[in-house]
Amino acid sequence: MAKPKRHIFVCTHDRPPGDPRGSCKQRGSEAVLDAMKGELYNNDLMPDVKATRSGCLGGCEQGVVMVVYPDNVWYRKVQVEDVPFLVEDHVMDDEVVERLLMDMGD
């Protein structure tokens, strides 16, 4: 199997109901991951770009959280409707989607 040029990790971590931080899964991360895989497939980007589920990436309050490697770009509050923009702008055009960037506090 060839190593992908980019790997997108989507947090699908789930916390118990009532946890004040919430979780990416409760915010729709499974649908985001499915949409990402579909968009990559529809744009013939696989296997050069891979999207997989991840455990907790931190930043639960900012979920759905996603990270793109090797770019080391972290996105937050990703929704299904954001996926086409992420694929077109970031994956295809190498442009970071600024409005979804996660504040890493540095």
C-alpha atoms as a PDB file:
ATOM      1  CA  MET A   1       0.000   0.000   0.000  1.00  0.00           C
ATOM      2  CA  ALA A   2       1.333   3.428  -0.970  1.00  0.00           C
ATOM      3  CA  LYS A   3       1.784   6.031   1.724  1.00  0.00           C
ATOM      4  CA  PRO A   4      -0.766   8.877   1.320  1.00  0.00           C
ATOM      5  CA  LYS A   5       0.489  12.405   0.667  1.00  0.00           C
ATOM      6  CA  ARG A   6      -2.012  13.735   3.203  1.00  0.00           C
ATOM      7  CA  HIS A   7      -3.858  12.112   6.050  1.00  0.00           C
ATOM      8  CA  ILE A   8      -6.939  13.728   7.563  1.00  0.00           C
ATOM      9  CA  PHE A   9      -7.894  12.627  11.063  1.00  0.00           C
ATOM     10  CA  VAL A  10     -11.441  13.374  12.229  1.00  0.00           C
ATOM     11  CA  CYS A  11     -12.103  13.051  15.947  1.00  0.00           C
ATOM     12  CA  THR A  12     -14.991  10.667  16.618  1.00  0.00           C
ATOM     13  CA  HIS A  13     -14.519  10.524  20.385  1.00  0.00           C
ATOM     14  CA  ASP A  14     -17.701  10.194  22.433  1.00  0.00           C
ATOM     15  CA  ARG A  15     -18.196  11.325  26.023  1.00  0.00           C
ATOM     16  CA  PRO A  16     -21.032  10.382  28.343  1.00  0.00           C
ATOM     17  CA  PRO A  17     -24.210  12.465  28.039  1.00  0.00           C
ATOM     18  CA  GLY A  18     -24.057  15.515  30.260  1.00  0.00           C
ATOM     19  CA  ASP A  19     -20.275  15.928  30.119  1.00  0.00           C
ATOM     20  CA  PRO A  20     -19.806  19.721  30.050  1.00  0.00           C
ATOM     21  CA  ARG A  21     -17.152  19.498  27.315  1.00  0.00           C
ATOM     22  CA  GLY A  22     -19.394  17.578  24.962  1.00  0.00           C
ATOM     23  CA  SER A  23     -17.722  15.511  22.274  1.00  0.00           C
ATOM     24  CA  CYS A  24     -17.034  15.518  18.577  1.00  0.00           C
ATOM     25  CA  LYS A  25     -19.247  12.488  18.054  1.00  0.00           C
ATOM     26  CA  GLN A  26     -22.184  14.288  19.681  1.00  0.00           C
ATOM     27  CA  ARG A  27     -21.517  17.220  17.329  1.00  0.00           C
ATOM     28  CA  GLY A  28     -21.753  15.082  14.197  1.00  0.00           C
ATOM     29  CA  SER A  29     -18.227  13.876  13.523  1.00  0.00           C
ATOM     30  CA  GLU A  30     -19.338  10.560  11.995  1.00  0.00           C
ATOM     31  CA  ALA A  31     -21.293  12.473   9.328  1.00  0.00           C
ATOM     32  CA  VAL A  32     -18.309  14.800   8.780  1.00  0.00           C
ATOM     33  CA  LEU A  33     -16.004  11.806   8.299  1.00  0.00           C
ATOM     34  CA  ASP A  34     -18.436  10.153   5.873  1.00  0.00           C
ATOM     35  CA  ALA A  35     -18.755  13.411   3.917  1.00  0.00           C
ATOM     36  CA  MET A  36     -14.965  13.798   3.810  1.00  0.00           C
ATOM     37  CA  LYS A  37     -14.471  10.277   2.488  1.00  0.00           C
ATOM     38  CA  GLY A  38     -17.176  10.857  -0.114  1.00  0.00           C
ATOM     39  CA  GLU A  39     -15.695  14.167  -1.226  1.00  0.00           C
ATOM     40  CA  LEU A  40     -12.209  12.669  -1.523  1.00  0.00           C
ATOM     41  CA  TYR A  41     -13.619   9.779  -3.550  1.00  0.00           C
ATOM     42  CA  ASN A  42     -15.722  12.016  -5.804  1.00  0.00           C
ATOM     43  CA  ASN A  43     -12.683  14.181  -6.570  1.00  0.00           C
ATOM     44  CA  ASP A  44     -10.516  11.137  -7.319  1.00  0.00           C
ATOM     45  CA  LEU A  45      -8.106  12.049  -4.507  1.00  0.00           C
ATOM     46  CA  MET A  46      -7.849   8.586  -2.975  1.00  0.00           C
ATOM     47  CA  PRO A  47      -5.406   6.947  -2.225  1.00  0.00           C
ATOM     48  CA  ASP A  48      -3.206  10.087  -2.252  1.00  0.00           C
ATOM     49  CA  VAL A  49      -5.359  11.522   0.548  1.00  0.00           C
ATOM     50  CA  LYS A  50      -6.758   9.378   3.323  1.00  0.00           C
ATOM     51  CA  ALA A  51      -9.416  10.271   5.905  1.00  0.00           C
ATOM     52  CA  THR A  52      -9.814   8.218   9.062  1.00  0.00           C
ATOM     53  CA  ARG A  53     -11.441   8.409  12.450  1.00  0.00           C
ATOM     54  CA  SER A  54      -9.419   9.398  15.448  1.00  0.00           C
ATOM     55  CA  GLY A  55      -9.752   9.277  19.171  1.00  0.00           C
ATOM     56  CA  CYS A  56      -9.781  12.502  21.140  1.00  0.00           C
ATOM     57  CA  LEU A  57      -7.616  15.222  19.624  1.00  0.00           C
ATOM     58  CA  GLY A  58      -8.310  17.683  22.436  1.00  0.00           C
ATOM     59  CA  GLY A  59     -10.278  20.874  22.127  1.00  0.00           C
ATOM     60  CA  CYS A  60     -13.574  19.123  22.824  1.00  0.00           C
ATOM     61  CA  GLU A  61     -15.365  22.441  23.250  1.00  0.00           C
ATOM     62  CA  GLN A  62     -14.371  23.306  19.674  1.00  0.00           C
ATOM     63  CA  GLY A  63     -15.543  20.041  18.058  1.00  0.00           C
ATOM     64  CA  VAL A  64     -15.786  18.671  15.480  1.00  0.00           C
ATOM     65  CA  VAL A  65     -11.965  18.725  15.459  1.00  0.00           C
ATOM     66  CA  MET A  66      -9.886  17.560  12.499  1.00  0.00           C
ATOM     67  CA  VAL A  67      -6.166  17.635  11.721  1.00  0.00           C
ATOM     68  CA  VAL A  68      -4.452  17.401   8.347  1.00  0.00           C
ATOM     69  CA  TYR A  69      -1.010  15.800   8.175  1.00  0.00           C
ATOM     70  CA  PRO A  70       1.736  16.308   7.242  1.00  0.00           C
ATOM     71  CA  ASP A  71       0.544  19.939   7.065  1.00  0.00           C
ATOM     72  CA  ASN A  72      -0.069  20.069  10.835  1.00  0.00           C
ATOM     73  CA  VAL A  73      -3.197  22.166  10.258  1.00  0.00           C
ATOM     74  CA  TRP A  74      -5.920  21.837  12.869  1.00  0.00           C
ATOM     75  CA  TYR A  75      -9.552  22.690  12.171  1.00  0.00           C
ATOM     76  CA  ARG A  76     -12.430  23.138  14.616  1.00  0.00           C
ATOM     77  CA  LYS A  77     -16.214  23.369  14.505  1.00  0.00           C
ATOM     78  CA  VAL A  78     -16.208  21.469  11.204  1.00  0.00           C
ATOM     79  CA  GLN A  79     -19.665  20.696   9.836  1.00  0.00           C
ATOM     80  CA  VAL A  80     -20.722  18.552   6.881  1.00  0.00           C
ATOM     81  CA  GLU A  81     -21.316  21.671   4.764  1.00  0.00           C
ATOM     82  CA  ASP A  82     -17.659  22.722   5.337  1.00  0.00           C
ATOM     83  CA  VAL A  83     -16.218  19.548   3.825  1.00  0.00           C
ATOM     84  CA  PRO A  84     -16.353  20.577   0.120  1.00  0.00           C
ATOM     85  CA  PHE A  85     -14.509  23.812   0.969  1.00  0.00           C
ATOM     86  CA  LEU A  86     -11.881  21.952   2.990  1.00  0.00           C
ATOM     87  CA  VAL A  87     -11.264  19.515   0.159  1.00  0.00           C
ATOM     88  CA  GLU A  88     -11.205  22.120  -2.598  1.00  0.00           C
ATOM     89  CA  ASP A  89      -9.286  24.825  -0.754  1.00  0.00           C
ATOM     90  CA  HIS A  90      -6.939  22.871   1.498  1.00  0.00           C
ATOM     91  CA  VAL A  91      -6.465  19.523  -0.230  1.00  0.00           C
ATOM     92  CA  MET A  92      -6.659  20.569  -3.874  1.00  0.00           C
ATOM     93  CA  ASP A  93      -5.439  24.195  -3.772  1.00  0.00           C
ATOM     94  CA  ASP A  94      -3.088  24.075  -0.734  1.00  0.00           C
ATOM     95  CA  GLU A  95      -4.925  26.985   0.924  1.00  0.00           C
ATOM     96  CA  VAL A  96      -5.741  26.849   4.617  1.00  0.00           C
ATOM     97  CA  VAL A  97      -9.406  27.497   5.427  1.00  0.00           C
ATOM     98  CA  GLU A  98      -8.803  30.329   7.899  1.00  0.00           C
ATOM     99  CA  ARG A  99     -12.365  30.548   9.256  1.00  0.00           C
ATOM    100  CA  LEU A 100     -12.111  26.978  10.600  1.00  0.00           C
ATOM    101  CA  LEU A 101      -8.595  27.152  12.039  1.00  0.00           C
ATOM    102  CA  MET A 102      -8.300  25.948  15.600  1.00  0.00           C
ATOM    103  CA  ASP A 103      -6.754  28.377  18.069  1.00  0.00           C
ATOM    104  CA  MET A 104      -3.838  26.410  19.481  1.00  0.00           C
ATOM    105  CA  GLY A 105      -3.069  29.103  22.051  1.00  0.00           C
ATOM    106  CA  ASP A 106       0.459  29.885  20.876  1.00  0.00           C
END
